Amino acid sequence: MNFAKRLKSLREENNIKQVELAKSLKMTSATLSQYEKGIREPNNETLIKLAEYFDVSVDYLLGRTLSRKQPDTLAFHSVPGYEKLSNEDKQYIDDLITRLSKKND
């Protein structure tokens, strides 16, 4: 599911009208409508506001995961040597933790 569909689904699931959500996030309902139709993409700040509003992760909003909440991977970030890993390896570890946490849900 892409961002536009996910946003609309979250809004409808919570019985919130576009006008109400737009007002809460200090944007126009036209802008929100464009997000839901896939005409326009939000900036990072708006993505974060939407994720916080619906209490989901940005990855969930973007359709990158089915898990609404990001698992806590920070514990692994403090393991000696973690900071020396490549960004690709760090992402691999974080993705593995996400997959394992879904498996145990």
PDB file of N, CA and C in Angstrom:
ATOM      1  N   MET A   1       0.859  -1.177   0.000  1.00  0.00           N
ATOM      2  CA  MET A   1       0.000   0.000   0.000  1.00  0.00           C
ATOM      3  C   MET A   1       0.899   1.232   0.000  1.00  0.00           C
ATOM      4  N   ASN A   2       0.592   2.197  -0.859  1.00  0.00           N
ATOM      5  CA  ASN A   2       1.411   3.399  -0.935  1.00  0.00           C
ATOM      6  C   ASN A   2       0.960   4.456   0.082  1.00  0.00           C
ATOM      7  N   PHE A   3       1.725   5.533   0.160  1.00  0.00           N
ATOM      8  CA  PHE A   3       1.451   6.574   1.144  1.00  0.00           C
ATOM      9  C   PHE A   3       0.032   7.122   1.036  1.00  0.00           C
ATOM     10  N   ALA A   4      -0.410   7.453  -0.164  1.00  0.00           N
ATOM     11  CA  ALA A   4      -1.728   8.062  -0.356  1.00  0.00           C
ATOM     12  C   ALA A   4      -2.833   7.163   0.197  1.00  0.00           C
ATOM     13  N   LYS A   5      -2.784   5.886  -0.148  1.00  0.00           N
ATOM     14  CA  LYS A   5      -3.806   4.944   0.324  1.00  0.00           C
ATOM     15  C   LYS A   5      -3.710   4.727   1.832  1.00  0.00           C
ATOM     16  N   ARG A   6      -2.485   4.654   2.333  1.00  0.00           N
ATOM     17  CA  ARG A   6      -2.289   4.423   3.764  1.00  0.00           C
ATOM     18  C   ARG A   6      -2.834   5.604   4.574  1.00  0.00           C
ATOM     19  N   LEU A   7      -2.563   6.821   4.112  1.00  0.00           N
ATOM     20  CA  LEU A   7      -3.043   8.015   4.811  1.00  0.00           C
ATOM     21  C   LEU A   7      -4.568   8.050   4.839  1.00  0.00           C
ATOM     22  N   LYS A   8      -5.176   7.828   3.702  1.00  0.00           N
ATOM     23  CA  LYS A   8      -6.634   7.844   3.635  1.00  0.00           C
ATOM     24  C   LYS A   8      -7.228   6.747   4.517  1.00  0.00           C
ATOM     25  N   SER A   9      -6.622   5.578   4.486  1.00  0.00           N
ATOM     26  CA  SER A   9      -7.089   4.462   5.290  1.00  0.00           C
ATOM     27  C   SER A   9      -7.015   4.780   6.782  1.00  0.00           C
ATOM     28  N   LEU A  10      -5.916   5.361   7.225  1.00  0.00           N
ATOM     29  CA  LEU A  10      -5.770   5.734   8.635  1.00  0.00           C
ATOM     30  C   LEU A  10      -6.812   6.774   9.038  1.00  0.00           C
ATOM     31  N   ARG A  11      -7.008   7.746   8.174  1.00  0.00           N
ATOM     32  CA  ARG A  11      -7.974   8.806   8.475  1.00  0.00           C
ATOM     33  C   ARG A  11      -9.383   8.214   8.597  1.00  0.00           C
ATOM     34  N   GLU A  12      -9.760   7.374   7.646  1.00  0.00           N
ATOM     35  CA  GLU A  12     -11.092   6.778   7.662  1.00  0.00           C
ATOM     36  C   GLU A  12     -11.259   5.802   8.823  1.00  0.00           C
ATOM     37  N   GLU A  13     -10.222   5.039   9.107  1.00  0.00           N
ATOM     38  CA  GLU A  13     -10.245   4.085  10.211  1.00  0.00           C
ATOM     39  C   GLU A  13     -10.504   4.799  11.547  1.00  0.00           C
ATOM     40  N   ASN A  14     -10.016   6.030  11.649  1.00  0.00           N
ATOM     41  CA  ASN A  14     -10.188   6.818  12.870  1.00  0.00           C
ATOM     42  C   ASN A  14     -11.394   7.754  12.809  1.00  0.00           C
ATOM     43  N   ASN A  15     -12.200   7.603  11.757  1.00  0.00           N
ATOM     44  CA  ASN A  15     -13.407   8.429  11.575  1.00  0.00           C
ATOM     45  C   ASN A  15     -13.125   9.926  11.666  1.00  0.00           C
ATOM     46  N   ILE A  16     -12.101  10.340  10.937  1.00  0.00           N
ATOM     47  CA  ILE A  16     -11.713  11.751  10.926  1.00  0.00           C
ATOM     48  C   ILE A  16     -11.963  12.304   9.536  1.00  0.00           C
ATOM     49  N   LYS A  17     -12.612  13.425   9.469  1.00  0.00           N
ATOM     50  CA  LYS A  17     -12.847  14.083   8.184  1.00  0.00           C
ATOM     51  C   LYS A  17     -11.579  14.804   7.746  1.00  0.00           C
ATOM     52  N   GLN A  18     -11.438  14.948   6.425  1.00  0.00           N
ATOM     53  CA  GLN A  18     -10.266  15.651   5.893  1.00  0.00           C
ATOM     54  C   GLN A  18     -10.127  17.033   6.515  1.00  0.00           C
ATOM     55  N   VAL A  19     -11.225  17.746   6.634  1.00  0.00           N
ATOM     56  CA  VAL A  19     -11.202  19.106   7.179  1.00  0.00           C
ATOM     57  C   VAL A  19     -10.666  19.098   8.609  1.00  0.00           C
ATOM     58  N   GLU A  20     -11.100  18.129   9.411  1.00  0.00           N
ATOM     59  CA  GLU A  20     -10.648  18.028  10.802  1.00  0.00           C
ATOM     60  C   GLU A  20      -9.150  17.753  10.887  1.00  0.00           C
ATOM     61  N   LEU A  21      -8.691  16.783  10.097  1.00  0.00           N
ATOM     62  CA  LEU A  21      -7.275  16.429  10.116  1.00  0.00           C
ATOM     63  C   LEU A  21      -6.426  17.594   9.628  1.00  0.00           C
ATOM     64  N   ALA A  22      -6.848  18.209   8.553  1.00  0.00           N
ATOM     65  CA  ALA A  22      -6.103  19.351   8.006  1.00  0.00           C
ATOM     66  C   ALA A  22      -5.979  20.463   9.046  1.00  0.00           C
ATOM     67  N   LYS A  23      -7.069  20.744   9.731  1.00  0.00           N
ATOM     68  CA  LYS A  23      -7.057  21.795  10.748  1.00  0.00           C
ATOM     69  C   LYS A  23      -6.094  21.427  11.880  1.00  0.00           C
ATOM     70  N   SER A  24      -6.127  20.178  12.325  1.00  0.00           N
ATOM     71  CA  SER A  24      -5.239  19.728  13.398  1.00  0.00           C
ATOM     72  C   SER A  24      -3.769  19.851  13.024  1.00  0.00           C
ATOM     73  N   LEU A  25      -3.478  19.641  11.749  1.00  0.00           N
ATOM     74  CA  LEU A  25      -2.091  19.678  11.277  1.00  0.00           C
ATOM     75  C   LEU A  25      -1.700  21.023  10.668  1.00  0.00           C
ATOM     76  N   LYS A  26      -2.624  21.975  10.766  1.00  0.00           N
ATOM     77  CA  LYS A  26      -2.381  23.331  10.255  1.00  0.00           C
ATOM     78  C   LYS A  26      -2.000  23.340   8.774  1.00  0.00           C
ATOM     79  N   MET A  27      -2.861  22.680   7.992  1.00  0.00           N
ATOM     80  CA  MET A  27      -2.709  22.684   6.536  1.00  0.00           C
ATOM     81  C   MET A  27      -4.096  22.829   5.939  1.00  0.00           C
ATOM     82  N   THR A  28      -4.156  23.054   4.657  1.00  0.00           N
ATOM     83  CA  THR A  28      -5.461  23.171   4.015  1.00  0.00           C
ATOM     84  C   THR A  28      -6.002  21.786   3.702  1.00  0.00           C
ATOM     85  N   SER A  29      -7.319  21.691   3.628  1.00  0.00           N
ATOM     86  CA  SER A  29      -7.913  20.404   3.269  1.00  0.00           C
ATOM     87  C   SER A  29      -7.580  20.054   1.815  1.00  0.00           C
ATOM     88  N   ALA A  30      -7.334  21.069   0.995  1.00  0.00           N
ATOM     89  CA  ALA A  30      -6.929  20.822  -0.397  1.00  0.00           C
ATOM     90  C   ALA A  30      -5.579  20.109  -0.441  1.00  0.00           C
ATOM     91  N   THR A  31      -4.657  20.538   0.412  1.00  0.00           N
ATOM     92  CA  THR A  31      -3.341  19.893   0.477  1.00  0.00           C
ATOM     93  C   THR A  31      -3.491  18.444   0.917  1.00  0.00           C
ATOM     94  N   LEU A  32      -4.270  18.221   1.954  1.00  0.00           N
ATOM     95  CA  LEU A  32      -4.496  16.866   2.444  1.00  0.00           C
ATOM     96  C   LEU A  32      -5.144  15.998   1.373  1.00  0.00           C
ATOM     97  N   SER A  33      -6.087  16.555   0.662  1.00  0.00           N
ATOM     98  CA  SER A  33      -6.746  15.833  -0.426  1.00  0.00           C
ATOM     99  C   SER A  33      -5.728  15.433  -1.496  1.00  0.00           C
ATOM    100  N   GLN A  34      -4.818  16.334  -1.806  1.00  0.00           N
ATOM    101  CA  GLN A  34      -3.781  16.025  -2.801  1.00  0.00           C
ATOM    102  C   GLN A  34      -2.861  14.917  -2.313  1.00  0.00           C
ATOM    103  N   TYR A  35      -2.564  14.883  -1.005  1.00  0.00           N
ATOM    104  CA  TYR A  35      -1.772  13.780  -0.448  1.00  0.00           C
ATOM    105  C   TYR A  35      -2.511  12.464  -0.638  1.00  0.00           C
ATOM    106  N   GLU A  36      -3.800  12.456  -0.326  1.00  0.00           N
ATOM    107  CA  GLU A  36      -4.588  11.222  -0.403  1.00  0.00           C
ATOM    108  C   GLU A  36      -4.812  10.757  -1.837  1.00  0.00           C
ATOM    109  N   LYS A  37      -4.769  11.671  -2.777  1.00  0.00           N
ATOM    110  CA  LYS A  37      -4.936  11.304  -4.189  1.00  0.00           C
ATOM    111  C   LYS A  37      -3.600  10.978  -4.853  1.00  0.00           C
ATOM    112  N   GLY A  38      -2.496  11.168  -4.134  1.00  0.00           N
ATOM    113  CA  GLY A  38      -1.180  10.882  -4.688  1.00  0.00           C
ATOM    114  C   GLY A  38      -0.680  11.949  -5.638  1.00  0.00           C
ATOM    115  N   ILE A  39      -1.307  13.115  -5.619  1.00  0.00           N
ATOM    116  CA  ILE A  39      -0.915  14.220  -6.491  1.00  0.00           C
ATOM    117  C   ILE A  39       0.306  14.938  -5.924  1.00  0.00           C
ATOM    118  N   ARG A  40       0.368  14.951  -4.616  1.00  0.00           N
ATOM    119  CA  ARG A  40       1.409  15.705  -3.925  1.00  0.00           C
ATOM    120  C   ARG A  40       1.984  14.839  -2.808  1.00  0.00           C
ATOM    121  N   GLU A  41       3.282  14.990  -2.546  1.00  0.00           N
ATOM    122  CA  GLU A  41       3.951  14.264  -1.473  1.00  0.00           C
ATOM    123  C   GLU A  41       4.306  15.240  -0.348  1.00  0.00           C
ATOM    124  N   PRO A  42       4.127  14.822   0.902  1.00  0.00           N
ATOM    125  CA  PRO A  42       4.469  15.704   2.019  1.00  0.00           C
ATOM    126  C   PRO A  42       5.975  15.788   2.233  1.00  0.00           C
ATOM    127  N   ASN A  43       6.411  16.877   2.849  1.00  0.00           N
ATOM    128  CA  ASN A  43       7.826  16.974   3.201  1.00  0.00           C
ATOM    129  C   ASN A  43       8.067  16.147   4.466  1.00  0.00           C
ATOM    130  N   ASN A  44       9.315  16.036   4.871  1.00  0.00           N
ATOM    131  CA  ASN A  44       9.662  15.198   6.024  1.00  0.00           C
ATOM    132  C   ASN A  44       8.966  15.664   7.302  1.00  0.00           C
ATOM    133  N   GLU A  45       8.905  16.961   7.513  1.00  0.00           N
ATOM    134  CA  GLU A  45       8.264  17.505   8.712  1.00  0.00           C
ATOM    135  C   GLU A  45       6.790  17.095   8.781  1.00  0.00           C
ATOM    136  N   THR A  46       6.118  17.171   7.650  1.00  0.00           N
ATOM    137  CA  THR A  46       4.702  16.794   7.603  1.00  0.00           C
ATOM    138  C   THR A  46       4.532  15.291   7.798  1.00  0.00           C
ATOM    139  N   LEU A  47       5.421  14.492   7.218  1.00  0.00           N
ATOM    140  CA  LEU A  47       5.380  13.039   7.421  1.00  0.00           C
ATOM    141  C   LEU A  47       5.474  12.703   8.907  1.00  0.00           C
ATOM    142  N   ILE A  48       6.380  13.365   9.584  1.00  0.00           N
ATOM    143  CA  ILE A  48       6.555  13.121  11.016  1.00  0.00           C
ATOM    144  C   ILE A  48       5.306  13.527  11.783  1.00  0.00           C
ATOM    145  N   LYS A  49       4.726  14.669  11.437  1.00  0.00           N
ATOM    146  CA  LYS A  49       3.490  15.121  12.098  1.00  0.00           C
ATOM    147  C   LYS A  49       2.364  14.111  11.890  1.00  0.00           C
ATOM    148  N   LEU A  50       2.227  13.605  10.680  1.00  0.00           N
ATOM    149  CA  LEU A  50       1.189  12.618  10.388  1.00  0.00           C
ATOM    150  C   LEU A  50       1.428  11.327  11.169  1.00  0.00           C
ATOM    151  N   ALA A  51       2.678  10.874  11.199  1.00  0.00           N
ATOM    152  CA  ALA A  51       3.008   9.653  11.938  1.00  0.00           C
ATOM    153  C   ALA A  51       2.704   9.828  13.426  1.00  0.00           C
ATOM    154  N   GLU A  52       3.048  10.970  13.968  1.00  0.00           N
ATOM    155  CA  GLU A  52       2.760  11.229  15.386  1.00  0.00           C
ATOM    156  C   GLU A  52       1.256  11.324  15.632  1.00  0.00           C
ATOM    157  N   TYR A  53       0.546  11.959  14.728  1.00  0.00           N
ATOM    158  CA  TYR A  53      -0.897  12.111  14.880  1.00  0.00           C
ATOM    159  C   TYR A  53      -1.591  10.752  14.958  1.00  0.00           C
ATOM    160  N   PHE A  54      -1.200   9.840  14.049  1.00  0.00           N
ATOM    161  CA  PHE A  54      -1.833   8.524  13.990  1.00  0.00           C
ATOM    162  C   PHE A  54      -1.111   7.472  14.838  1.00  0.00           C
ATOM    163  N   ASP A  55      -0.025   7.883  15.492  1.00  0.00           N
ATOM    164  CA  ASP A  55       0.764   6.988  16.340  1.00  0.00           C
ATOM    165  C   ASP A  55       1.247   5.763  15.570  1.00  0.00           C
ATOM    166  N   VAL A  56       1.839   6.036  14.413  1.00  0.00           N
ATOM    167  CA  VAL A  56       2.442   5.001  13.579  1.00  0.00           C
ATOM    168  C   VAL A  56       3.841   5.462  13.182  1.00  0.00           C
ATOM    169  N   SER A  57       4.622   4.567  12.636  1.00  0.00           N
ATOM    170  CA  SER A  57       5.954   4.948  12.168  1.00  0.00           C
ATOM    171  C   SER A  57       5.856   5.597  10.790  1.00  0.00           C
ATOM    172  N   VAL A  58       6.849   6.375  10.447  1.00  0.00           N
ATOM    173  CA  VAL A  58       6.918   6.979   9.111  1.00  0.00           C
ATOM    174  C   VAL A  58       7.011   5.870   8.063  1.00  0.00           C
ATOM    175  N   ASP A  59       7.760   4.811   8.372  1.00  0.00           N
ATOM    176  CA  ASP A  59       7.866   3.679   7.441  1.00  0.00           C
ATOM    177  C   ASP A  59       6.498   3.074   7.152  1.00  0.00           C
ATOM    178  N   TYR A  60       5.654   2.970   8.170  1.00  0.00           N
ATOM    179  CA  TYR A  60       4.303   2.456   7.950  1.00  0.00           C
ATOM    180  C   TYR A  60       3.520   3.393   7.028  1.00  0.00           C
ATOM    181  N   LEU A  61       3.607   4.686   7.307  1.00  0.00           N
ATOM    182  CA  LEU A  61       2.902   5.669   6.457  1.00  0.00           C
ATOM    183  C   LEU A  61       3.348   5.569   5.005  1.00  0.00           C
ATOM    184  N   LEU A  62       4.632   5.344   4.797  1.00  0.00           N
ATOM    185  CA  LEU A  62       5.171   5.279   3.440  1.00  0.00           C
ATOM    186  C   LEU A  62       4.942   3.932   2.766  1.00  0.00           C
ATOM    187  N   GLY A  63       4.367   2.989   3.508  1.00  0.00           N
ATOM    188  CA  GLY A  63       4.099   1.671   2.930  1.00  0.00           C
ATOM    189  C   GLY A  63       5.307   0.765   2.897  1.00  0.00           C
ATOM    190  N   ARG A  64       6.330   1.096   3.679  1.00  0.00           N
ATOM    191  CA  ARG A  64       7.558   0.302   3.690  1.00  0.00           C
ATOM    192  C   ARG A  64       7.471  -0.893   4.629  1.00  0.00           C
ATOM    193  N   THR A  65       6.480  -0.893   5.518  1.00  0.00           N
ATOM    194  CA  THR A  65       6.308  -1.982   6.466  1.00  0.00           C
ATOM    195  C   THR A  65       4.826  -2.141   6.790  1.00  0.00           C
ATOM    196  N   LEU A  66       4.463  -3.328   7.215  1.00  0.00           N
ATOM    197  CA  LEU A  66       3.092  -3.580   7.643  1.00  0.00           C
ATOM    198  C   LEU A  66       2.928  -3.312   9.139  1.00  0.00           C
ATOM    199  N   SER A  67       4.053  -3.218   9.827  1.00  0.00           N
ATOM    200  CA  SER A  67       4.038  -2.973  11.266  1.00  0.00           C
ATOM    201  C   SER A  67       3.825  -1.489  11.524  1.00  0.00           C
ATOM    202  N   ARG A  68       2.810  -1.173  12.301  1.00  0.00           N
ATOM    203  CA  ARG A  68       2.491   0.232  12.552  1.00  0.00           C
ATOM    204  C   ARG A  68       3.544   0.946  13.383  1.00  0.00           C
ATOM    205  N   LYS A  69       4.162   0.243  14.289  1.00  0.00           N
ATOM    206  CA  LYS A  69       5.171   0.852  15.153  1.00  0.00           C
ATOM    207  C   LYS A  69       6.550   0.316  14.799  1.00  0.00           C
ATOM    208  N   GLN A  70       7.535   1.185  14.890  1.00  0.00           N
ATOM    209  CA  GLN A  70       8.917   0.799  14.636  1.00  0.00           C
ATOM    210  C   GLN A  70       9.440   0.049  15.863  1.00  0.00           C
ATOM    211  N   PRO A  71      10.020  -1.142  15.686  1.00  0.00           N
ATOM    212  CA  PRO A  71      10.568  -1.834  16.848  1.00  0.00           C
ATOM    213  C   PRO A  71      11.756  -1.065  17.413  1.00  0.00           C
ATOM    214  N   ASP A  72      12.044  -1.275  18.671  1.00  0.00           N
ATOM    215  CA  ASP A  72      13.142  -0.579  19.322  1.00  0.00           C
ATOM    216  C   ASP A  72      14.459  -1.234  18.931  1.00  0.00           C
ATOM    217  N   THR A  73      15.185  -0.596  18.034  1.00  0.00           N
ATOM    218  CA  THR A  73      16.481  -1.124  17.609  1.00  0.00           C
ATOM    219  C   THR A  73      17.617  -0.369  18.273  1.00  0.00           C
ATOM    220  N   LEU A  74      17.292   0.607  19.100  1.00  0.00           N
ATOM    221  CA  LEU A  74      18.328   1.429  19.711  1.00  0.00           C
ATOM    222  C   LEU A  74      19.262   0.624  20.591  1.00  0.00           C
ATOM    223  N   ALA A  75      18.796  -0.446  21.189  1.00  0.00           N
ATOM    224  CA  ALA A  75      19.661  -1.262  22.034  1.00  0.00           C
ATOM    225  C   ALA A  75      20.845  -1.784  21.237  1.00  0.00           C
ATOM    226  N   PHE A  76      20.628  -2.164  19.994  1.00  0.00           N
ATOM    227  CA  PHE A  76      21.720  -2.653  19.159  1.00  0.00           C
ATOM    228  C   PHE A  76      22.658  -1.537  18.731  1.00  0.00           C
ATOM    229  N   HIS A  77      22.178  -0.333  18.723  1.00  0.00           N
ATOM    230  CA  HIS A  77      23.006   0.797  18.306  1.00  0.00           C
ATOM    231  C   HIS A  77      24.113   1.088  19.310  1.00  0.00           C
ATOM    232  N   SER A  78      23.984   0.582  20.535  1.00  0.00           N
ATOM    233  CA  SER A  78      25.003   0.823  21.555  1.00  0.00           C
ATOM    234  C   SER A  78      26.000  -0.335  21.680  1.00  0.00           C
ATOM    235  N   VAL A  79      25.826  -1.374  20.871  1.00  0.00           N
ATOM    236  CA  VAL A  79      26.745  -2.507  20.905  1.00  0.00           C
ATOM    237  C   VAL A  79      28.098  -2.051  20.366  1.00  0.00           C
ATOM    238  N   PRO A  80      29.203  -2.400  21.069  1.00  0.00           N
ATOM    239  CA  PRO A  80      30.527  -1.998  20.589  1.00  0.00           C
ATOM    240  C   PRO A  80      30.753  -2.435  19.141  1.00  0.00           C
ATOM    241  N   GLY A  81      31.214  -1.528  18.341  1.00  0.00           N
ATOM    242  CA  GLY A  81      31.499  -1.804  16.940  1.00  0.00           C
ATOM    243  C   GLY A  81      30.369  -1.442  15.992  1.00  0.00           C
ATOM    244  N   TYR A  82      29.165  -1.239  16.525  1.00  0.00           N
ATOM    245  CA  TYR A  82      28.019  -0.929  15.670  1.00  0.00           C
ATOM    246  C   TYR A  82      28.278   0.337  14.859  1.00  0.00           C
ATOM    247  N   GLU A  83      28.871   1.337  15.514  1.00  0.00           N
ATOM    248  CA  GLU A  83      29.094   2.615  14.828  1.00  0.00           C
ATOM    249  C   GLU A  83      30.080   2.499  13.667  1.00  0.00           C
ATOM    250  N   LYS A  84      30.871   1.428  13.649  1.00  0.00           N
ATOM    251  CA  LYS A  84      31.851   1.236  12.576  1.00  0.00           C
ATOM    252  C   LYS A  84      31.263   0.530  11.362  1.00  0.00           C
ATOM    253  N   LEU A  85      30.048  -0.010  11.522  1.00  0.00           N
ATOM    254  CA  LEU A  85      29.409  -0.708  10.402  1.00  0.00           C
ATOM    255  C   LEU A  85      29.003   0.274   9.309  1.00  0.00           C
ATOM    256  N   SER A  86      28.902  -0.227   8.099  1.00  0.00           N
ATOM    257  CA  SER A  86      28.416   0.605   6.997  1.00  0.00           C
ATOM    258  C   SER A  86      26.938   0.878   7.207  1.00  0.00           C
ATOM    259  N   ASN A  87      26.422   1.921   6.583  1.00  0.00           N
ATOM    260  CA  ASN A  87      24.999   2.232   6.676  1.00  0.00           C
ATOM    261  C   ASN A  87      24.157   1.063   6.160  1.00  0.00           C
ATOM    262  N   GLU A  88      24.661   0.392   5.133  1.00  0.00           N
ATOM    263  CA  GLU A  88      23.954  -0.765   4.574  1.00  0.00           C
ATOM    264  C   GLU A  88      23.854  -1.889   5.610  1.00  0.00           C
ATOM    265  N   ASP A  89      24.937  -2.148   6.330  1.00  0.00           N
ATOM    266  CA  ASP A  89      24.921  -3.190   7.357  1.00  0.00           C
ATOM    267  C   ASP A  89      24.021  -2.801   8.531  1.00  0.00           C
ATOM    268  N   LYS A  90      24.042  -1.530   8.917  1.00  0.00           N
ATOM    269  CA  LYS A  90      23.169  -1.059   9.991  1.00  0.00           C
ATOM    270  C   LYS A  90      21.705  -1.235   9.588  1.00  0.00           C
ATOM    271  N   GLN A  91      21.386  -0.906   8.343  1.00  0.00           N
ATOM    272  CA  GLN A  91      20.012  -1.060   7.862  1.00  0.00           C
ATOM    273  C   GLN A  91      19.613  -2.528   7.833  1.00  0.00           C
ATOM    274  N   TYR A  92      20.545  -3.390   7.451  1.00  0.00           N
ATOM    275  CA  TYR A  92      20.283  -4.828   7.439  1.00  0.00           C
ATOM    276  C   TYR A  92      19.910  -5.314   8.842  1.00  0.00           C
ATOM    277  N   ILE A  93      20.673  -4.884   9.848  1.00  0.00           N
ATOM    278  CA  ILE A  93      20.403  -5.272  11.237  1.00  0.00           C
ATOM    279  C   ILE A  93      19.034  -4.752  11.672  1.00  0.00           C
ATOM    280  N   ASP A  94      18.752  -3.489  11.394  1.00  0.00           N
ATOM    281  CA  ASP A  94      17.460  -2.907  11.770  1.00  0.00           C
ATOM    282  C   ASP A  94      16.300  -3.632  11.081  1.00  0.00           C
ATOM    283  N   ASP A  95      16.472  -3.974   9.809  1.00  0.00           N
ATOM    284  CA  ASP A  95      15.430  -4.701   9.078  1.00  0.00           C
ATOM    285  C   ASP A  95      15.230  -6.106   9.651  1.00  0.00           C
ATOM    286  N   LEU A  96      16.330  -6.742  10.024  1.00  0.00           N
ATOM    287  CA  LEU A  96      16.243  -8.078  10.618  1.00  0.00           C
ATOM    288  C   LEU A  96      15.476  -8.036  11.935  1.00  0.00           C
ATOM    289  N   ILE A  97      15.747  -7.043  12.753  1.00  0.00           N
ATOM    290  CA  ILE A  97      15.033  -6.887  14.025  1.00  0.00           C
ATOM    291  C   ILE A  97      13.545  -6.671  13.752  1.00  0.00           C
ATOM    292  N   THR A  98      13.236  -5.858  12.753  1.00  0.00           N
ATOM    293  CA  THR A  98      11.835  -5.608  12.394  1.00  0.00           C
ATOM    294  C   THR A  98      11.152  -6.902  11.982  1.00  0.00           C
ATOM    295  N   ARG A  99      11.810  -7.691  11.110  1.00  0.00           N
ATOM    296  CA  ARG A  99      11.212  -8.954  10.658  1.00  0.00           C
ATOM    297  C   ARG A  99      11.011  -9.922  11.817  1.00  0.00           C
ATOM    298  N   LEU A 100      11.988 -10.021  12.698  1.00  0.00           N
ATOM    299  CA  LEU A 100      11.883 -10.934  13.834  1.00  0.00           C
ATOM    300  C   LEU A 100      10.799 -10.492  14.804  1.00  0.00           C
ATOM    301  N   SER A 101      10.667  -9.186  14.997  1.00  0.00           N
ATOM    302  CA  SER A 101       9.622  -8.710  15.922  1.00  0.00           C
ATOM    303  C   SER A 101       8.232  -8.979  15.347  1.00  0.00           C
ATOM    304  N   LYS A 102       8.072  -8.906  14.024  1.00  0.00           N
ATOM    305  CA  LYS A 102       6.778  -9.221  13.395  1.00  0.00           C
ATOM    306  C   LYS A 102       6.476 -10.709  13.546  1.00  0.00           C
ATOM    307  N   LYS A 103       7.507 -11.511  13.425  1.00  0.00           N
ATOM    308  CA  LYS A 103       7.345 -12.961  13.530  1.00  0.00           C
ATOM    309  C   LYS A 103       6.817 -13.337  14.911  1.00  0.00           C
ATOM    310  N   ASN A 104       7.188 -12.594  15.915  1.00  0.00           N
ATOM    311  CA  ASN A 104       6.807 -12.902  17.289  1.00  0.00           C
ATOM    312  C   ASN A 104       5.546 -12.191  17.740  1.00  0.00           C
ATOM    313  N   ASP A 105       4.915 -11.423  16.852  1.00  0.00           N
ATOM    314  CA  ASP A 105       3.675 -10.713  17.214  1.00  0.00           C
ATOM    315  C   ASP A 105       2.500 -11.651  17.285  1.00  0.00           C
TER     316      ASP A 105
END
